[in-house]
C-alpha atoms as a PDB file:
ATOM      1  CA  MET A   1      93.948  77.421  96.766  1.00  0.00           C
ATOM      2  CA  ASN A   2      93.061  78.139 100.382  1.00  0.00           C
ATOM      3  CA  ASP A   3      92.019  75.404 102.784  1.00  0.00           C
ATOM      4  CA  ALA A   4      88.233  75.064 102.579  1.00  0.00           C
ATOM      5  CA  ASN A   5      87.914  74.599 106.334  1.00  0.00           C
ATOM      6  CA  THR A   6      90.233  77.281 107.686  1.00  0.00           C
ATOM      7  CA  GLY A   7      90.483  79.795 104.848  1.00  0.00           C
ATOM      8  CA  GLN A   8      94.265  79.583 105.184  1.00  0.00           C
ATOM      9  CA  HIS A   9      96.733  78.663 102.482  1.00  0.00           C
ATOM     10  CA  PRO A  10      97.800  75.000 102.882  1.00  0.00           C
ATOM     11  CA  PHE A  11     101.426  76.002 103.488  1.00  0.00           C
ATOM     12  CA  ALA A  12     100.291  77.802 106.672  1.00  0.00           C
ATOM     13  CA  ARG A  13     100.218  74.361 108.328  1.00  0.00           C
ATOM     14  CA  LEU A  14     103.970  73.945 107.870  1.00  0.00           C
ATOM     15  CA  ASP A  15     105.064  75.059 111.322  1.00  0.00           C
ATOM     16  CA  PRO A  16     108.375  73.756 112.794  1.00  0.00           C
ATOM     17  CA  SER A  17     106.665  70.951 114.718  1.00  0.00           C
ATOM     18  CA  PHE A  18     104.879  69.659 111.610  1.00  0.00           C
ATOM     19  CA  ILE A  19     108.052  69.869 109.504  1.00  0.00           C
ATOM     20  CA  LEU A  20     110.161  67.981 112.058  1.00  0.00           C
ATOM     21  CA  ASP A  21     107.512  65.295 112.502  1.00  0.00           C
ATOM     22  CA  ALA A  22     107.362  64.821 108.745  1.00  0.00           C
ATOM     23  CA  VAL A  23     111.128  64.474 108.377  1.00  0.00           C
ATOM     24  CA  GLU A  24     111.308  62.072 111.303  1.00  0.00           C
ATOM     25  CA  SER A  25     108.569  59.990 109.678  1.00  0.00           C
ATOM     26  CA  ALA A  26     111.068  59.388 106.867  1.00  0.00           C
ATOM     27  CA  GLY A  27     113.519  57.811 109.314  1.00  0.00           C
ATOM     28  CA  TYR A  28     115.722  60.752 110.281  1.00  0.00           C
ATOM     29  CA  GLN A  29     116.489  61.837 113.840  1.00  0.00           C
ATOM     30  CA  THR A  30     116.265  65.609 113.892  1.00  0.00           C
ATOM     31  CA  ASP A  31     117.831  67.921 116.462  1.00  0.00           C
ATOM     32  CA  GLY A  32     114.986  70.450 116.435  1.00  0.00           C
ATOM     33  CA  ARG A  33     116.575  73.012 114.122  1.00  0.00           C
ATOM     34  CA  VAL A  34     114.518  74.261 111.172  1.00  0.00           C
ATOM     35  CA  THR A  35     115.646  77.063 108.864  1.00  0.00           C
ATOM     36  CA  ALA A  36     113.407  78.268 106.046  1.00  0.00           C
ATOM     37  CA  LEU A  37     115.242  78.724 102.739  1.00  0.00           C
ATOM     38  CA  ASN A  38     114.349  81.030  99.878  1.00  0.00           C
ATOM     39  CA  SER A  39     111.634  79.313  97.859  1.00  0.00           C
ATOM     40  CA  TYR A  40     108.207  80.320  96.591  1.00  0.00           C
ATOM     41  CA  GLU A  41     106.728  77.582  94.426  1.00  0.00           C
ATOM     42  CA  ASN A  42     107.399  74.990  97.113  1.00  0.00           C
ATOM     43  CA  ARG A  43     108.607  75.320 100.701  1.00  0.00           C
ATOM     44  CA  VAL A  44     112.197  74.337 101.408  1.00  0.00           C
ATOM     45  CA  TYR A  45     113.863  73.984 104.804  1.00  0.00           C
ATOM     46  CA  GLN A  46     117.262  73.110 106.210  1.00  0.00           C
ATOM     47  CA  ILE A  47     116.761  70.507 108.909  1.00  0.00           C
ATOM     48  CA  GLY A  48     119.262  69.801 111.667  1.00  0.00           C
ATOM     49  CA  ILE A  49     120.074  66.093 112.051  1.00  0.00           C
ATOM     50  CA  GLU A  50     121.441  64.476 115.213  1.00  0.00           C
ATOM     51  CA  ASP A  51     125.182  63.728 114.923  1.00  0.00           C
ATOM     52  CA  SER A  52     125.161  64.402 111.186  1.00  0.00           C
ATOM     53  CA  ALA A  53     125.149  67.163 108.595  1.00  0.00           C
ATOM     54  CA  PRO A  54     121.875  69.029 108.068  1.00  0.00           C
ATOM     55  CA  LEU A  55     119.540  67.908 105.304  1.00  0.00           C
ATOM     56  CA  ILE A  56     117.225  69.819 102.980  1.00  0.00           C
ATOM     57  CA  ALA A  57     113.493  69.038 103.004  1.00  0.00           C
ATOM     58  CA  LYS A  58     111.324  70.206 100.120  1.00  0.00           C
ATOM     59  CA  PHE A  59     107.547  70.267 100.615  1.00  0.00           C
ATOM     60  CA  TYR A  60     105.684  70.314  97.310  1.00  0.00           C
ATOM     61  CA  ARG A  61     102.937  72.767  96.500  1.00  0.00           C
ATOM     62  CA  PRO A  62      99.625  70.881  96.696  1.00  0.00           C
ATOM     63  CA  GLN A  63      97.836  70.216  93.393  1.00  0.00           C
ATOM     64  CA  ARG A  64     100.708  71.339  91.164  1.00  0.00           C
ATOM     65  CA  TRP A  65     102.350  68.076  90.114  1.00  0.00           C
ATOM     66  CA  SER A  66     100.989  64.552  90.313  1.00  0.00           C
ATOM     67  CA  ASP A  67     102.970  61.875  92.138  1.00  0.00           C
ATOM     68  CA  ALA A  68     103.956  60.382  88.775  1.00  0.00           C
ATOM     69  CA  GLN A  69     105.273  63.730  87.554  1.00  0.00           C
ATOM     70  CA  ILE A  70     107.352  64.304  90.680  1.00  0.00           C
ATOM     71  CA  ILE A  71     108.756  60.781  90.561  1.00  0.00           C
ATOM     72  CA  GLU A  72     109.776  61.312  86.923  1.00  0.00           C
ATOM     73  CA  GLU A  73     111.715  64.392  88.006  1.00  0.00           C
ATOM     74  CA  HIS A  74     113.434  62.361  90.729  1.00  0.00           C
ATOM     75  CA  GLN A  75     114.265  59.570  88.300  1.00  0.00           C
ATOM     76  CA  PHE A  76     115.805  62.023  85.839  1.00  0.00           C
ATOM     77  CA  ALA A  77     117.976  63.602  88.540  1.00  0.00           C
ATOM     78  CA  GLN A  78     118.968  60.146  89.785  1.00  0.00           C
ATOM     79  CA  GLN A  79     119.940  59.070  86.281  1.00  0.00           C
ATOM     80  CA  LEU A  80     122.116  62.172  85.911  1.00  0.00           C
ATOM     81  CA  SER A  81     123.728  61.601  89.303  1.00  0.00           C
ATOM     82  CA  GLU A  82     124.503  57.970  88.480  1.00  0.00           C
ATOM     83  CA  ALA A  83     126.270  59.220  85.350  1.00  0.00           C
ATOM     84  CA  GLU A  84     128.493  61.260  87.712  1.00  0.00           C
ATOM     85  CA  LEU A  85     126.975  64.594  86.812  1.00  0.00           C
ATOM     86  CA  PRO A  86     126.925  67.231  89.614  1.00  0.00           C
ATOM     87  CA  VAL A  87     123.223  66.848  90.362  1.00  0.00           C
ATOM     88  CA  ILE A  88     121.691  66.341  93.801  1.00  0.00           C
ATOM     89  CA  PRO A  89     119.030  63.617  93.664  1.00  0.00           C
ATOM     90  CA  ALA A  90     116.303  63.081  96.241  1.00  0.00           C
ATOM     91  CA  LEU A  91     117.257  60.619  98.972  1.00  0.00           C
ATOM     92  CA  LYS A  92     115.233  57.432  99.387  1.00  0.00           C
ATOM     93  CA  ASN A  93     113.714  56.234 102.646  1.00  0.00           C
ATOM     94  CA  ASN A  94     113.746  52.698 104.027  1.00  0.00           C
ATOM     95  CA  HIS A  95     110.976  51.784 101.593  1.00  0.00           C
ATOM     96  CA  HIS A  96     113.097  52.990  98.625  1.00  0.00           C
ATOM     97  CA  GLU A  97     110.764  55.952  98.095  1.00  0.00           C
ATOM     98  CA  SER A  98     112.060  59.378  97.081  1.00  0.00           C
ATOM     99  CA  LEU A  99     108.612  60.991  97.301  1.00  0.00           C
ATOM    100  CA  ILE A 100     107.342  60.788 100.861  1.00  0.00           C
ATOM    101  CA  HIS A 101     103.751  61.349 101.992  1.00  0.00           C
ATOM    102  CA  TYR A 102     102.992  62.824 105.388  1.00  0.00           C
ATOM    103  CA  ARG A 103      99.397  63.673 106.211  1.00  0.00           C
ATOM    104  CA  ASP A 104      98.191  65.856 103.321  1.00  0.00           C
ATOM    105  CA  PHE A 105     101.685  66.814 102.121  1.00  0.00           C
ATOM    106  CA  ARG A 106     104.334  65.324  99.893  1.00  0.00           C
ATOM    107  CA  PHE A 107     108.008  66.051 100.415  1.00  0.00           C
ATOM    108  CA  SER A 108     111.499  64.886  99.514  1.00  0.00           C
ATOM    109  CA  VAL A 109     114.835  65.049 101.301  1.00  0.00           C
ATOM    110  CA  TYR A 110     118.242  66.041  99.887  1.00  0.00           C
ATOM    111  CA  ILE A 111     121.806  66.345 101.076  1.00  0.00           C
ATOM    112  CA  ARG A 112     122.903  69.927 101.619  1.00  0.00           C
ATOM    113  CA  LYS A 113     125.291  71.319  99.017  1.00  0.00           C
ATOM    114  CA  GLY A 114     126.987  74.676  99.331  1.00  0.00           C
ATOM    115  CA  GLY A 115     128.203  76.939  96.548  1.00  0.00           C
ATOM    116  CA  ARG A 116     127.832  80.322  94.921  1.00  0.00           C
ATOM    117  CA  ALA A 117     126.280  81.626  91.747  1.00  0.00           C
ATOM    118  CA  PRO A 118     128.504  81.132  88.677  1.00  0.00           C
ATOM    119  CA  GLU A 119     130.305  84.122  87.206  1.00  0.00           C
ATOM    120  CA  LEU A 120     128.897  84.137  83.702  1.00  0.00           C
ATOM    121  CA  ASP A 121     131.152  86.982  82.557  1.00  0.00           C
ATOM    122  CA  ASN A 122     134.013  84.468  82.870  1.00  0.00           C
ATOM    123  CA  LEU A 123     134.168  82.722  79.492  1.00  0.00           C
ATOM    124  CA  HIS A 124     136.018  79.740  80.956  1.00  0.00           C
ATOM    125  CA  ASN A 125     133.084  79.168  83.293  1.00  0.00           C
ATOM    126  CA  LEU A 126     130.761  79.149  80.287  1.00  0.00           C
ATOM    127  CA  LEU A 127     132.957  76.529  78.606  1.00  0.00           C
ATOM    128  CA  ILE A 128     132.671  74.330  81.703  1.00  0.00           C
ATOM    129  CA  LEU A 129     128.911  74.901  81.888  1.00  0.00           C
ATOM    130  CA  GLY A 130     128.612  73.918  78.251  1.00  0.00           C
ATOM    131  CA  ARG A 131     130.431  70.635  78.872  1.00  0.00           C
ATOM    132  CA  PHE A 132     128.164  69.668  81.739  1.00  0.00           C
ATOM    133  CA  MET A 133     125.085  70.804  79.794  1.00  0.00           C
ATOM    134  CA  GLY A 134     126.107  68.642  76.863  1.00  0.00           C
ATOM    135  CA  ARG A 135     126.465  65.642  79.148  1.00  0.00           C
ATOM    136  CA  MET A 136     123.099  66.363  80.774  1.00  0.00           C
ATOM    137  CA  HIS A 137     121.335  66.625  77.437  1.00  0.00           C
ATOM    138  CA  SER A 138     122.944  63.497  76.031  1.00  0.00           C
ATOM    139  CA  ILE A 139     121.207  61.667  78.896  1.00  0.00           C
ATOM    140  CA  GLY A 140     118.065  63.780  78.502  1.00  0.00           C
ATOM    141  CA  ARG A 141     117.782  62.491  74.934  1.00  0.00           C
ATOM    142  CA  SER A 142     117.954  58.844  75.986  1.00  0.00           C
ATOM    143  CA  HIS A 143     114.348  58.733  77.219  1.00  0.00           C
ATOM    144  CA  SER A 144     111.251  60.945  77.233  1.00  0.00           C
ATOM    145  CA  PHE A 145     109.050  62.036  80.086  1.00  0.00           C
ATOM    146  CA  SER A 146     105.749  60.181  80.047  1.00  0.00           C
ATOM    147  CA  HIS A 147     103.934  62.326  82.610  1.00  0.00           C
ATOM    148  CA  ARG A 148     105.646  65.722  82.766  1.00  0.00           C
ATOM    149  CA  PRO A 149     104.430  68.293  80.206  1.00  0.00           C
ATOM    150  CA  ALA A 150     106.302  70.201  77.531  1.00  0.00           C
ATOM    151  CA  ILE A 151     107.161  73.856  77.172  1.00  0.00           C
ATOM    152  CA  ASP A 152     104.867  74.992  74.383  1.00  0.00           C
ATOM    153  CA  SER A 153     102.967  77.966  73.043  1.00  0.00           C
ATOM    154  CA  GLN A 154      99.601  76.800  74.352  1.00  0.00           C
ATOM    155  CA  THR A 155     100.609  76.221  77.976  1.00  0.00           C
ATOM    156  CA  PHE A 156     103.152  79.000  78.433  1.00  0.00           C
ATOM    157  CA  GLY A 157     101.578  81.517  76.061  1.00  0.00           C
ATOM    158  CA  HIS A 158      97.867  81.264  75.301  1.00  0.00           C
ATOM    159  CA  ALA A 159      96.807  79.862  78.688  1.00  0.00           C
ATOM    160  CA  SER A 160      98.904  82.448  80.526  1.00  0.00           C
ATOM    161  CA  VAL A 161      97.446  85.366  78.597  1.00  0.00           C
ATOM    162  CA  HIS A 162      93.912  84.068  79.106  1.00  0.00           C
ATOM    163  CA  PHE A 163      94.392  83.801  82.872  1.00  0.00           C
ATOM    164  CA  VAL A 164      95.849  87.302  83.181  1.00  0.00           C
ATOM    165  CA  LEU A 165      93.097  88.844  81.066  1.00  0.00           C
ATOM    166  CA  GLU A 166      90.342  87.110  83.015  1.00  0.00           C
ATOM    167  CA  ASN A 167      91.695  87.811  86.488  1.00  0.00           C
ATOM    168  CA  PHE A 168      94.328  90.540  86.774  1.00  0.00           C
ATOM    169  CA  MET A 169      94.770  92.995  83.919  1.00  0.00           C
ATOM    170  CA  PRO A 170      93.693  96.568  84.841  1.00  0.00           C
ATOM    171  CA  LYS A 171      90.733  97.724  82.756  1.00  0.00           C
ATOM    172  CA  ASP A 172      92.573 100.709  81.280  1.00  0.00           C
ATOM    173  CA  LEU A 173      95.380  98.472  79.981  1.00  0.00           C
ATOM    174  CA  ARG A 174      93.289  95.512  78.901  1.00  0.00           C
ATOM    175  CA  THR A 175      92.933  96.479  75.223  1.00  0.00           C
ATOM    176  CA  ALA A 176      96.630  97.251  74.833  1.00  0.00           C
ATOM    177  CA  TYR A 177      97.631  93.950  76.472  1.00  0.00           C
ATOM    178  CA  GLU A 178      95.070  91.883  74.573  1.00  0.00           C
ATOM    179  CA  THR A 179      96.015  93.348  71.188  1.00  0.00           C
ATOM    180  CA  LEU A 180      99.741  93.043  71.822  1.00  0.00           C
ATOM    181  CA  THR A 181      99.645  89.480  73.122  1.00  0.00           C
ATOM    182  CA  HIS A 182      97.443  88.461  70.181  1.00  0.00           C
ATOM    183  CA  ASP A 183     100.126  89.757  67.811  1.00  0.00           C
ATOM    184  CA  LEU A 184     102.892  88.125  69.842  1.00  0.00           C
ATOM    185  CA  LEU A 185     101.274  84.712  69.992  1.00  0.00           C
ATOM    186  CA  SER A 186     100.268  84.830  66.325  1.00  0.00           C
ATOM    187  CA  THR A 187     103.884  85.577  65.439  1.00  0.00           C
ATOM    188  CA  ILE A 188     105.170  82.815  67.703  1.00  0.00           C
ATOM    189  CA  ASP A 189     102.724  80.256  66.351  1.00  0.00           C
ATOM    190  CA  GLN A 190     103.631  81.172  62.768  1.00  0.00           C
ATOM    191  CA  GLN A 191     107.355  80.947  63.477  1.00  0.00           C
ATOM    192  CA  LEU A 192     106.984  77.607  65.216  1.00  0.00           C
ATOM    193  CA  GLU A 193     104.972  76.246  62.316  1.00  0.00           C
ATOM    194  CA  ALA A 194     107.633  77.446  59.885  1.00  0.00           C
ATOM    195  CA  PHE A 195     110.391  75.942  62.020  1.00  0.00           C
ATOM    196  CA  GLY A 196     108.843  72.492  61.852  1.00  0.00           C
ATOM    197  CA  PRO A 197     108.845  69.645  64.391  1.00  0.00           C
ATOM    198  CA  LEU A 198     110.840  70.412  67.528  1.00  0.00           C
ATOM    199  CA  ASN A 199     113.396  67.963  68.882  1.00  0.00           C
ATOM    200  CA  MET A 200     111.991  67.725  72.413  1.00  0.00           C
ATOM    201  CA  ILE A 201     114.236  66.243  75.105  1.00  0.00           C
ATOM    202  CA  ARG A 202     114.240  66.129  78.891  1.00  0.00           C
ATOM    203  CA  VAL A 203     115.736  69.413  80.131  1.00  0.00           C
ATOM    204  CA  HIS A 204     116.273  71.158  83.441  1.00  0.00           C
ATOM    205  CA  GLY A 205     113.749  73.736  82.285  1.00  0.00           C
ATOM    206  CA  ASP A 206     114.700  76.566  84.656  1.00  0.00           C
ATOM    207  CA  CYS A 207     118.450  76.781  84.206  1.00  0.00           C
ATOM    208  CA  HIS A 208     119.231  80.269  85.489  1.00  0.00           C
ATOM    209  CA  ILE A 209     122.161  81.115  87.758  1.00  0.00           C
ATOM    210  CA  GLY A 210     120.006  80.773  90.893  1.00  0.00           C
ATOM    211  CA  ASN A 211     119.729  77.050  90.162  1.00  0.00           C
ATOM    212  CA  ILE A 212     123.475  76.531  89.651  1.00  0.00           C
ATOM    213  CA  LEU A 213     125.828  76.315  92.636  1.00  0.00           C
ATOM    214  CA  TRP A 214     129.457  76.867  91.614  1.00  0.00           C
ATOM    215  CA  ARG A 215     131.932  74.977  93.769  1.00  0.00           C
ATOM    216  CA  ASP A 216     135.484  73.753  93.081  1.00  0.00           C
ATOM    217  CA  ASP A 217     135.174  74.832  89.445  1.00  0.00           C
ATOM    218  CA  ILE A 218     132.098  72.614  89.021  1.00  0.00           C
ATOM    219  CA  PRO A 219     128.508  73.769  88.371  1.00  0.00           C
ATOM    220  CA  ASN A 220     126.133  71.852  90.638  1.00  0.00           C
ATOM    221  CA  PHE A 221     122.645  71.826  89.107  1.00  0.00           C
ATOM    222  CA  ILE A 222     119.818  72.016  91.635  1.00  0.00           C
ATOM    223  CA  ASP A 223     116.013  72.227  91.662  1.00  0.00           C
ATOM    224  CA  PHE A 224     114.677  70.172  88.749  1.00  0.00           C
ATOM    225  CA  ASP A 225     111.118  71.075  89.760  1.00  0.00           C
ATOM    226  CA  ASP A 226     110.490  72.665  86.338  1.00  0.00           C
ATOM    227  CA  ALA A 227     111.990  69.811  84.312  1.00  0.00           C
ATOM    228  CA  ARG A 228     109.973  69.369  81.134  1.00  0.00           C
ATOM    229  CA  MET A 229     110.217  68.261  77.542  1.00  0.00           C
ATOM    230  CA  ALA A 230     111.672  71.122  75.482  1.00  0.00           C
ATOM    231  CA  PRO A 231     114.291  71.904  72.841  1.00  0.00           C
ATOM    232  CA  ALA A 232     117.868  71.758  74.160  1.00  0.00           C
ATOM    233  CA  VAL A 233     118.289  75.522  73.700  1.00  0.00           C
ATOM    234  CA  GLN A 234     115.839  76.064  76.594  1.00  0.00           C
ATOM    235  CA  ASP A 235     118.655  75.294  79.047  1.00  0.00           C
ATOM    236  CA  ILE A 236     121.132  77.531  77.231  1.00  0.00           C
ATOM    237  CA  TRP A 237     119.454  80.831  76.443  1.00  0.00           C
ATOM    238  CA  MET A 238     118.985  81.875  80.087  1.00  0.00           C
ATOM    239  CA  LEU A 239     122.776  81.823  80.509  1.00  0.00           C
ATOM    240  CA  LEU A 240     123.203  84.573  77.884  1.00  0.00           C
ATOM    241  CA  SER A 241     123.156  88.287  78.692  1.00  0.00           C
ATOM    242  CA  GLY A 242     124.289  91.675  77.442  1.00  0.00           C
ATOM    243  CA  ALA A 243     124.437  93.066  73.923  1.00  0.00           C
ATOM    244  CA  LYS A 244     124.003  90.751  70.953  1.00  0.00           C
ATOM    245  CA  HIS A 245     127.727  90.523  70.193  1.00  0.00           C
ATOM    246  CA  GLU A 246     128.372  89.637  73.833  1.00  0.00           C
ATOM    247  CA  GLN A 247     125.722  86.926  73.741  1.00  0.00           C
ATOM    248  CA  GLN A 248     127.296  85.524  70.575  1.00  0.00           C
ATOM    249  CA  GLN A 249     130.674  85.258  72.290  1.00  0.00           C
ATOM    250  CA  GLN A 250     129.082  83.628  75.344  1.00  0.00           C
ATOM    251  CA  LEU A 251     127.201  81.237  73.100  1.00  0.00           C
ATOM    252  CA  LEU A 252     130.382  80.254  71.296  1.00  0.00           C
ATOM    253  CA  GLU A 253     132.030  79.273  74.578  1.00  0.00           C
ATOM    254  CA  ILE A 254     129.011  77.306  75.785  1.00  0.00           C
ATOM    255  CA  LEU A 255     128.627  75.419  72.518  1.00  0.00           C
ATOM    256  CA  GLU A 256     132.347  74.653  72.298  1.00  0.00           C
ATOM    257  CA  GLY A 257     132.012  72.769  75.572  1.00  0.00           C
ATOM    258  CA  TYR A 258     128.570  71.387  74.764  1.00  0.00           C
ATOM    259  CA  ASN A 259     129.625  69.837  71.462  1.00  0.00           C
ATOM    260  CA  GLU A 260     132.340  67.801  73.183  1.00  0.00           C
ATOM    261  CA  PHE A 261     129.544  65.580  74.539  1.00  0.00           C
ATOM    262  CA  ALA A 262     126.435  66.208  72.423  1.00  0.00           C
ATOM    263  CA  GLU A 263     125.732  67.764  69.053  1.00  0.00           C
ATOM    264  CA  PHE A 264     123.802  71.005  69.326  1.00  0.00           C
ATOM    265  CA  ASP A 265     121.409  71.843  66.500  1.00  0.00           C
ATOM    266  CA  VAL A 266     122.264  75.460  65.690  1.00  0.00           C
ATOM    267  CA  ASP A 267     118.857  75.874  64.016  1.00  0.00           C
ATOM    268  CA  GLU A 268     117.424  75.960  67.546  1.00  0.00           C
ATOM    269  CA  LEU A 269     118.967  79.399  68.007  1.00  0.00           C
ATOM    270  CA  GLN A 270     115.919  80.647  66.084  1.00  0.00           C
ATOM    271  CA  LEU A 271     113.821  79.605  69.078  1.00  0.00           C
ATOM    272  CA  ILE A 272     115.547  81.786  71.697  1.00  0.00           C
ATOM    273  CA  GLU A 273     113.307  84.859  71.452  1.00  0.00           C
ATOM    274  CA  ILE A 274     110.232  82.640  71.178  1.00  0.00           C
ATOM    275  CA  LEU A 275     111.175  80.856  74.406  1.00  0.00           C
ATOM    276  CA  ARG A 276     112.076  84.140  76.097  1.00  0.00           C
ATOM    277  CA  THR A 277     108.687  85.630  75.229  1.00  0.00           C
ATOM    278  CA  LEU A 278     106.807  82.555  76.422  1.00  0.00           C
ATOM    279  CA  ARG A 279     108.716  82.651  79.704  1.00  0.00           C
ATOM    280  CA  MET A 280     107.805  86.301  80.237  1.00  0.00           C
ATOM    281  CA  LEU A 281     104.120  85.574  79.662  1.00  0.00           C
ATOM    282  CA  TYR A 282     104.232  82.497  81.877  1.00  0.00           C
ATOM    283  CA  PHE A 283     106.060  84.309  84.701  1.00  0.00           C
ATOM    284  CA  SER A 284     103.381  86.994  84.989  1.00  0.00           C
ATOM    285  CA  ALA A 285     100.644  84.370  84.971  1.00  0.00           C
ATOM    286  CA  TRP A 286     102.584  82.319  87.536  1.00  0.00           C
ATOM    287  CA  LEU A 287     102.649  85.277  89.922  1.00  0.00           C
ATOM    288  CA  ALA A 288      98.951  85.864  89.302  1.00  0.00           C
ATOM    289  CA  ARG A 289      98.039  82.222  89.902  1.00  0.00           C
ATOM    290  CA  ARG A 290      99.966  82.200  93.186  1.00  0.00           C
ATOM    291  CA  TRP A 291      98.675  85.535  94.529  1.00  0.00           C
ATOM    292  CA  ASP A 292      96.554  83.811  97.190  1.00  0.00           C
ATOM    293  CA  ASP A 293      99.749  82.426  98.739  1.00  0.00           C
ATOM    294  CA  PRO A 294     100.807  85.016 101.370  1.00  0.00           C
ATOM    295  CA  ALA A 295     104.465  84.531 100.468  1.00  0.00           C
ATOM    296  CA  PHE A 296     103.902  86.060  97.039  1.00  0.00           C
ATOM    297  CA  PRO A 297     102.555  89.517  98.004  1.00  0.00           C
ATOM    298  CA  MET A 298     105.414  89.720 100.524  1.00  0.00           C
ATOM    299  CA  GLY A 299     108.066  88.518  98.085  1.00  0.00           C
ATOM    300  CA  PHE A 300     106.819  90.386  95.009  1.00  0.00           C
ATOM    301  CA  PRO A 301     105.194  93.598  96.350  1.00  0.00           C
ATOM    302  CA  TRP A 302     105.643  95.315  92.981  1.00  0.00           C
ATOM    303  CA  PHE A 303     103.428  92.811  91.186  1.00  0.00           C
ATOM    304  CA  ASN A 304      99.859  93.642  90.143  1.00  0.00           C
ATOM    305  CA  THR A 305     100.363  97.395  90.230  1.00  0.00           C
ATOM    306  CA  VAL A 306      99.520  99.613  87.288  1.00  0.00           C
ATOM    307  CA  ARG A 307     103.214 100.390  86.916  1.00  0.00           C
ATOM    308  CA  TYR A 308     104.075  96.701  86.770  1.00  0.00           C
ATOM    309  CA  TRP A 309     101.581  96.008  83.991  1.00  0.00           C
ATOM    310  CA  GLU A 310     102.662  99.107  82.054  1.00  0.00           C
ATOM    311  CA  GLU A 311     106.289  97.979  82.186  1.00  0.00           C
ATOM    312  CA  HIS A 312     105.294  94.418  81.320  1.00  0.00           C
ATOM    313  CA  ILE A 313     103.447  95.635  78.218  1.00  0.00           C
ATOM    314  CA  LEU A 314     106.489  97.724  77.236  1.00  0.00           C
ATOM    315  CA  SER A 315     108.753  94.678  77.601  1.00  0.00           C
ATOM    316  CA  LEU A 316     106.390  92.621  75.470  1.00  0.00           C
ATOM    317  CA  ARG A 317     106.448  95.301  72.756  1.00  0.00           C
ATOM    318  CA  GLU A 318     110.235  94.992  72.738  1.00  0.00           C
ATOM    319  CA  GLN A 319     109.845  91.239  72.377  1.00  0.00           C
ATOM    320  CA  LEU A 320     107.566  91.661  69.372  1.00  0.00           C
ATOM    321  CA  PHE A 321     110.381  93.627  67.740  1.00  0.00           C
ATOM    322  CA  ALA A 322     112.980  91.042  68.831  1.00  0.00           C
ATOM    323  CA  LEU A 323     110.946  88.281  67.174  1.00  0.00           C
ATOM    324  CA  SER A 324     111.344  90.097  63.842  1.00  0.00           C
ATOM    325  CA  GLU A 325     115.110  90.477  64.201  1.00  0.00           C
ATOM    326  CA  PRO A 326     117.682  87.955  62.893  1.00  0.00           C
ATOM    327  CA  ALA A 327     118.394  85.200  65.412  1.00  0.00           C
ATOM    328  CA  LEU A 328     121.670  84.795  67.249  1.00  0.00           C
ATOM    329  CA  SER A 329     124.232  83.070  65.071  1.00  0.00           C
ATOM    330  CA  ILE A 330     127.671  81.550  65.500  1.00  0.00           C
ATOM    331  CA  ASP A 331     128.478  82.044  61.814  1.00  0.00           C
ATOM    332  CA  THR A 332     130.519  85.128  62.666  1.00  0.00           C
ATOM    333  CA  PHE A 333     132.947  82.962  64.599  1.00  0.00           C
ATOM    334  CA  ASN A 334     132.953  80.025  62.208  1.00  0.00           C
ATOM    335  CA  ALA A 335     133.700  82.099  59.113  1.00  0.00           C
END
């Protein structure tokens, strides 16, 4: 996705002068300070504002989302914020626009919110997270996205495998990867068919601890860039870790809080390893698709080495076994 005229990646144009001019075009008076924050899919900066607290400016990756898809994300976050959930919505300019165009870029502006990653080994924290997740999903169920896609086997699985095979997989590992992913995706497709229709709702989509800022005993949810239609369990499984009995205990705490505000369908626990496998396939393809962005080789120097692909194949073999194992259950605790 390099610029046809310069051969550079489009993000190369985001120098401090360009960034400040863009933010000032939205009606803010900057003080000249620009600090790049850790972000790969988009570019995110802390911007100093005259006589006020700094703001956060997020410049969207060209050609990833349409305007309508980004606006749907903003509307979802705004709806959550208006329901007094700890979500940071995009600010609107004088024209009541949350998505701002400047030259060939689109960006949005946010208040700055501090915090730390939640301590997920603290069961009380999981109870609190569950409560807020239940509230979020009760609102997520109230409407559907019209423009943003869903998390599904075709997009996250089949398309990802196809891209990796066509562009990145080392020749010596190609047969092993192709055979294994065929078995994985066949198993996933069969299990999804057996499960039946999924109850798809609006979810955060990427709810790992890096997107939760813990402050004053409250989890602040940030970065809804991956918001999609998906089963509710998509926002829960990434909070689980450790041995199976530990994950069951964590799950019990989360669902105790969750069910205070929304009813969780425990049948969706059968989808956890399916969703985990699809995320693993999608993550590798995501890195591959972004490899022409100079930030990715610098940020992920271990990617696209023979060792990486060998370890990836090993992890996928473990997932094929996990898909055959009994799903997580809360029956042990409800007996």
